[in-house]
Amino acid sequence: MTKLKIKSGDLVRVIAGDHKGQEGKVLRVLRDKNKAVVEGLNMVSKHTKPSAKNPQGGIVKKEAPIHISNLALVDAKSKSVTKVGYRTEGDKKVRFSKKSNQVI
């Protein structure tokens, strides 16, 4: 498995593809596929059969995963995209924004 620089809960901006320029919060990261599910982005229609949970069935809108390479972390301070770096502070390894040099 590869180490990804985006974690769930991060605010990200899409930098390529159909949803370019849109922002959202990461809900889930799929490390084995190098993809992330972003809240409100890349919505797809899924046809569902009637079940006990959903007796009506029908079409449900849900988020589909987006490749990590198409996402960039948004810096909380400057509200622009930034790269992620790692450094050790004391005995802890922390992520930091390369643009503002602040810990994420």
N, C-alpha and C. Protein backbone atom coordinates (compact mmCIF):
# COMPACT_ATOMS: atom_id res chain seq x y z
N MET A 1 0.83 -1.19 0.00
CA MET A 1 0.00 0.00 0.00
C MET A 1 0.87 1.25 0.00
N THR A 2 0.39 2.27 -0.71
CA THR A 2 1.15 3.50 -0.79
C THR A 2 0.70 4.48 0.28
N LYS A 3 1.60 5.37 0.65
CA LYS A 3 1.28 6.42 1.62
C LYS A 3 0.64 7.58 0.87
N LEU A 4 -0.57 7.96 1.29
CA LEU A 4 -1.27 9.06 0.64
C LEU A 4 -1.19 10.31 1.52
N LYS A 5 -1.16 11.47 0.88
CA LYS A 5 -1.02 12.72 1.62
C LYS A 5 -2.36 13.36 1.94
N ILE A 6 -3.46 12.72 1.51
CA ILE A 6 -4.80 13.22 1.80
C ILE A 6 -5.47 12.25 2.77
N LYS A 7 -6.09 12.80 3.82
CA LYS A 7 -6.78 11.99 4.81
C LYS A 7 -8.26 12.35 4.83
N SER A 8 -9.09 11.49 5.42
CA SER A 8 -10.50 11.80 5.53
C SER A 8 -10.67 12.98 6.47
N GLY A 9 -11.60 13.88 6.10
CA GLY A 9 -11.81 15.10 6.88
C GLY A 9 -11.11 16.31 6.29
N ASP A 10 -10.17 16.10 5.35
CA ASP A 10 -9.46 17.22 4.71
C ASP A 10 -10.38 17.95 3.73
N LEU A 11 -10.15 19.25 3.56
CA LEU A 11 -10.83 20.02 2.54
C LEU A 11 -9.96 19.99 1.29
N VAL A 12 -10.53 19.52 0.18
CA VAL A 12 -9.76 19.37 -1.05
C VAL A 12 -10.45 20.09 -2.20
N ARG A 13 -9.66 20.42 -3.23
CA ARG A 13 -10.18 21.02 -4.46
C ARG A 13 -9.83 20.08 -5.61
N VAL A 14 -10.77 19.91 -6.54
CA VAL A 14 -10.52 19.06 -7.71
C VAL A 14 -9.73 19.89 -8.71
N ILE A 15 -8.59 19.35 -9.17
CA ILE A 15 -7.71 20.11 -10.07
C ILE A 15 -7.76 19.61 -11.50
N ALA A 16 -8.49 18.51 -11.74
CA ALA A 16 -8.61 17.98 -13.11
C ALA A 16 -9.90 17.17 -13.23
N GLY A 17 -10.45 17.15 -14.43
CA GLY A 17 -11.64 16.34 -14.67
C GLY A 17 -12.91 17.17 -14.76
N ASP A 18 -14.05 16.50 -14.76
CA ASP A 18 -15.35 17.14 -14.94
C ASP A 18 -15.69 18.13 -13.83
N HIS A 19 -15.21 17.89 -12.62
CA HIS A 19 -15.57 18.72 -11.47
C HIS A 19 -14.44 19.69 -11.09
N LYS A 20 -13.61 20.06 -12.06
CA LYS A 20 -12.46 20.92 -11.81
C LYS A 20 -12.89 22.23 -11.15
N GLY A 21 -12.18 22.60 -10.08
CA GLY A 21 -12.46 23.85 -9.39
C GLY A 21 -13.40 23.73 -8.20
N GLN A 22 -14.10 22.62 -8.09
CA GLN A 22 -15.04 22.44 -6.98
C GLN A 22 -14.31 21.94 -5.74
N GLU A 23 -14.85 22.29 -4.56
CA GLU A 23 -14.25 21.90 -3.30
C GLU A 23 -15.20 21.04 -2.49
N GLY A 24 -14.64 20.22 -1.62
CA GLY A 24 -15.46 19.40 -0.74
C GLY A 24 -14.60 18.73 0.31
N LYS A 25 -15.28 18.13 1.28
CA LYS A 25 -14.60 17.45 2.37
C LYS A 25 -14.46 15.96 2.03
N VAL A 26 -13.30 15.39 2.31
CA VAL A 26 -13.05 13.98 2.02
C VAL A 26 -13.81 13.13 3.05
N LEU A 27 -14.67 12.24 2.55
CA LEU A 27 -15.43 11.36 3.42
C LEU A 27 -14.69 10.06 3.71
N ARG A 28 -14.06 9.50 2.66
CA ARG A 28 -13.38 8.21 2.77
C ARG A 28 -12.19 8.20 1.83
N VAL A 29 -11.14 7.51 2.23
CA VAL A 29 -9.98 7.33 1.36
C VAL A 29 -9.83 5.84 1.09
N LEU A 30 -9.78 5.47 -0.19
CA LEU A 30 -9.61 4.07 -0.60
C LEU A 30 -8.15 3.88 -0.98
N ARG A 31 -7.34 3.47 -0.01
CA ARG A 31 -5.88 3.40 -0.22
C ARG A 31 -5.48 2.37 -1.27
N ASP A 32 -6.20 1.25 -1.32
CA ASP A 32 -5.82 0.21 -2.27
C ASP A 32 -6.06 0.63 -3.72
N LYS A 33 -7.01 1.56 -3.96
CA LYS A 33 -7.31 2.02 -5.31
C LYS A 33 -6.78 3.42 -5.60
N ASN A 34 -6.11 4.06 -4.62
CA ASN A 34 -5.62 5.44 -4.74
C ASN A 34 -6.74 6.42 -5.09
N LYS A 35 -7.89 6.25 -4.43
CA LYS A 35 -9.03 7.11 -4.69
C LYS A 35 -9.61 7.63 -3.39
N ALA A 36 -10.40 8.71 -3.51
CA ALA A 36 -11.06 9.29 -2.35
C ALA A 36 -12.49 9.66 -2.72
N VAL A 37 -13.40 9.54 -1.74
CA VAL A 37 -14.79 9.94 -1.93
C VAL A 37 -14.93 11.33 -1.30
N VAL A 38 -15.37 12.31 -2.13
CA VAL A 38 -15.49 13.69 -1.69
C VAL A 38 -16.96 14.06 -1.60
N GLU A 39 -17.33 14.71 -0.49
CA GLU A 39 -18.71 15.07 -0.21
C GLU A 39 -19.29 15.98 -1.28
N GLY A 40 -20.39 15.53 -1.91
CA GLY A 40 -21.10 16.35 -2.89
C GLY A 40 -20.50 16.40 -4.28
N LEU A 41 -19.41 15.69 -4.53
CA LEU A 41 -18.76 15.71 -5.84
C LEU A 41 -18.80 14.35 -6.51
N ASN A 42 -18.77 14.36 -7.85
CA ASN A 42 -18.77 13.14 -8.65
C ASN A 42 -19.98 12.26 -8.33
N MET A 43 -21.17 12.88 -8.32
CA MET A 43 -22.41 12.17 -7.99
C MET A 43 -22.81 11.25 -9.15
N VAL A 44 -23.20 10.03 -8.81
CA VAL A 44 -23.67 9.07 -9.80
C VAL A 44 -25.05 8.56 -9.37
N SER A 45 -25.85 8.12 -10.35
CA SER A 45 -27.17 7.56 -10.07
C SER A 45 -27.04 6.05 -9.95
N LYS A 46 -27.50 5.51 -8.83
CA LYS A 46 -27.42 4.07 -8.60
C LYS A 46 -28.84 3.53 -8.51
N HIS A 47 -29.15 2.54 -9.32
CA HIS A 47 -30.47 1.92 -9.29
C HIS A 47 -30.51 0.89 -8.18
N THR A 48 -31.49 1.00 -7.29
CA THR A 48 -31.57 0.08 -6.16
C THR A 48 -32.87 -0.71 -6.20
N LYS A 49 -32.75 -1.98 -5.86
CA LYS A 49 -33.94 -2.84 -5.77
C LYS A 49 -34.67 -2.55 -4.47
N PRO A 50 -35.97 -2.80 -4.42
CA PRO A 50 -36.68 -2.64 -3.15
C PRO A 50 -36.13 -3.61 -2.09
N SER A 51 -35.98 -3.12 -0.87
CA SER A 51 -35.48 -3.94 0.23
C SER A 51 -36.23 -3.55 1.50
N ALA A 52 -35.91 -4.21 2.60
CA ALA A 52 -36.55 -3.87 3.88
C ALA A 52 -36.18 -2.45 4.30
N LYS A 53 -34.94 -2.05 4.02
CA LYS A 53 -34.47 -0.72 4.39
C LYS A 53 -35.10 0.35 3.49
N ASN A 54 -35.21 0.04 2.19
CA ASN A 54 -35.78 0.97 1.21
C ASN A 54 -36.87 0.23 0.43
N PRO A 55 -38.11 0.18 0.96
CA PRO A 55 -39.16 -0.64 0.33
C PRO A 55 -39.58 -0.14 -1.05
N GLN A 56 -39.37 1.14 -1.33
CA GLN A 56 -39.75 1.69 -2.62
C GLN A 56 -38.75 1.35 -3.72
N GLY A 57 -37.47 1.28 -3.37
CA GLY A 57 -36.44 1.08 -4.40
C GLY A 57 -36.24 2.37 -5.16
N GLY A 58 -35.77 2.29 -6.40
CA GLY A 58 -35.64 3.48 -7.23
C GLY A 58 -34.20 3.88 -7.48
N ILE A 59 -34.02 5.17 -7.82
CA ILE A 59 -32.71 5.69 -8.17
C ILE A 59 -32.17 6.52 -7.01
N VAL A 60 -30.96 6.20 -6.59
CA VAL A 60 -30.32 6.90 -5.48
C VAL A 60 -29.07 7.60 -5.99
N LYS A 61 -28.89 8.87 -5.60
CA LYS A 61 -27.68 9.61 -5.96
C LYS A 61 -26.64 9.40 -4.86
N LYS A 62 -25.41 9.05 -5.26
CA LYS A 62 -24.34 8.89 -4.28
C LYS A 62 -23.01 9.31 -4.88
N GLU A 63 -22.04 9.59 -3.99
CA GLU A 63 -20.72 10.03 -4.44
C GLU A 63 -19.90 8.85 -4.92
N ALA A 64 -19.20 9.04 -6.03
CA ALA A 64 -18.29 8.03 -6.54
C ALA A 64 -16.86 8.48 -6.24
N PRO A 65 -15.92 7.53 -6.13
CA PRO A 65 -14.53 7.90 -5.82
C PRO A 65 -13.86 8.70 -6.95
N ILE A 66 -12.95 9.59 -6.56
CA ILE A 66 -12.15 10.38 -7.49
C ILE A 66 -10.69 10.02 -7.24
N HIS A 67 -9.90 9.94 -8.30
CA HIS A 67 -8.49 9.57 -8.14
C HIS A 67 -7.75 10.66 -7.37
N ILE A 68 -6.86 10.22 -6.49
CA ILE A 68 -6.10 11.12 -5.61
C ILE A 68 -5.30 12.15 -6.41
N SER A 69 -4.80 11.77 -7.59
CA SER A 69 -3.99 12.69 -8.39
C SER A 69 -4.80 13.88 -8.89
N ASN A 70 -6.12 13.77 -8.89
CA ASN A 70 -6.99 14.86 -9.34
C ASN A 70 -7.44 15.76 -8.19
N LEU A 71 -6.92 15.52 -6.99
CA LEU A 71 -7.29 16.30 -5.81
C LEU A 71 -6.08 17.02 -5.25
N ALA A 72 -6.31 18.23 -4.72
CA ALA A 72 -5.25 18.98 -4.06
C ALA A 72 -5.80 19.51 -2.74
N LEU A 73 -4.99 19.47 -1.71
CA LEU A 73 -5.38 19.94 -0.39
C LEU A 73 -5.53 21.47 -0.40
N VAL A 74 -6.59 21.97 0.26
CA VAL A 74 -6.80 23.41 0.38
C VAL A 74 -6.23 23.87 1.72
N ASP A 75 -5.36 24.88 1.66
CA ASP A 75 -4.76 25.44 2.87
C ASP A 75 -5.81 26.23 3.63
N ALA A 76 -5.96 25.96 4.92
CA ALA A 76 -6.98 26.61 5.74
C ALA A 76 -6.73 28.12 5.87
N LYS A 77 -5.46 28.53 5.88
CA LYS A 77 -5.12 29.94 6.09
C LYS A 77 -5.33 30.78 4.83
N SER A 78 -4.76 30.35 3.71
CA SER A 78 -4.80 31.17 2.49
C SER A 78 -5.93 30.78 1.53
N LYS A 79 -6.65 29.70 1.80
CA LYS A 79 -7.74 29.19 0.96
C LYS A 79 -7.30 28.88 -0.47
N SER A 80 -6.01 28.57 -0.66
CA SER A 80 -5.51 28.16 -1.97
C SER A 80 -4.94 26.75 -1.84
N VAL A 81 -4.74 26.09 -2.97
CA VAL A 81 -4.24 24.72 -2.93
C VAL A 81 -2.77 24.72 -2.52
N THR A 82 -2.37 23.66 -1.85
CA THR A 82 -1.01 23.56 -1.36
C THR A 82 -0.53 22.12 -1.46
N LYS A 83 0.78 21.96 -1.48
CA LYS A 83 1.36 20.63 -1.39
C LYS A 83 1.54 20.28 0.08
N VAL A 84 1.66 18.99 0.36
CA VAL A 84 1.79 18.52 1.73
C VAL A 84 3.20 18.01 1.96
N GLY A 85 3.78 18.41 3.07
CA GLY A 85 5.10 17.93 3.46
C GLY A 85 5.00 17.28 4.84
N TYR A 86 6.04 16.55 5.20
CA TYR A 86 6.11 15.90 6.50
C TYR A 86 7.38 16.35 7.21
N ARG A 87 7.27 16.54 8.52
CA ARG A 87 8.43 16.84 9.34
C ARG A 87 8.18 16.33 10.75
N THR A 88 9.26 16.20 11.52
CA THR A 88 9.10 15.74 12.90
C THR A 88 9.22 16.94 13.83
N GLU A 89 8.22 17.06 14.71
CA GLU A 89 8.24 18.10 15.74
C GLU A 89 8.30 17.38 17.07
N GLY A 90 9.44 17.45 17.72
CA GLY A 90 9.64 16.67 18.94
C GLY A 90 9.81 15.22 18.55
N ASP A 91 8.88 14.38 19.00
CA ASP A 91 8.94 12.97 18.63
C ASP A 91 7.75 12.58 17.76
N LYS A 92 6.99 13.57 17.25
CA LYS A 92 5.83 13.29 16.41
C LYS A 92 6.07 13.69 14.96
N LYS A 93 5.54 12.88 14.05
CA LYS A 93 5.60 13.19 12.63
C LYS A 93 4.31 13.94 12.28
N VAL A 94 4.45 15.14 11.71
CA VAL A 94 3.27 15.95 11.41
C VAL A 94 3.25 16.34 9.93
N ARG A 95 2.02 16.56 9.41
CA ARG A 95 1.85 17.08 8.06
C ARG A 95 1.85 18.60 8.12
N PHE A 96 2.46 19.23 7.11
CA PHE A 96 2.41 20.69 7.07
C PHE A 96 2.19 21.18 5.65
N SER A 97 1.62 22.38 5.55
CA SER A 97 1.37 23.02 4.27
C SER A 97 2.66 23.64 3.77
N LYS A 98 3.06 23.30 2.56
CA LYS A 98 4.30 23.85 2.01
C LYS A 98 4.15 25.33 1.62
N LYS A 99 2.90 25.78 1.44
CA LYS A 99 2.68 27.17 1.07
C LYS A 99 2.78 28.09 2.29
N SER A 100 2.08 27.75 3.39
CA SER A 100 2.08 28.61 4.57
C SER A 100 3.00 28.09 5.67
N ASN A 101 3.57 26.91 5.48
CA ASN A 101 4.50 26.30 6.45
C ASN A 101 3.85 26.04 7.82
N GLN A 102 2.52 25.88 7.83
CA GLN A 102 1.82 25.61 9.08
C GLN A 102 1.38 24.15 9.15
N VAL A 103 1.31 23.63 10.37
CA VAL A 103 0.90 22.25 10.59
C VAL A 103 -0.59 22.09 10.25
N ILE A 104 -0.91 21.02 9.54
CA ILE A 104 -2.30 20.75 9.16
C ILE A 104 -2.98 19.94 10.26
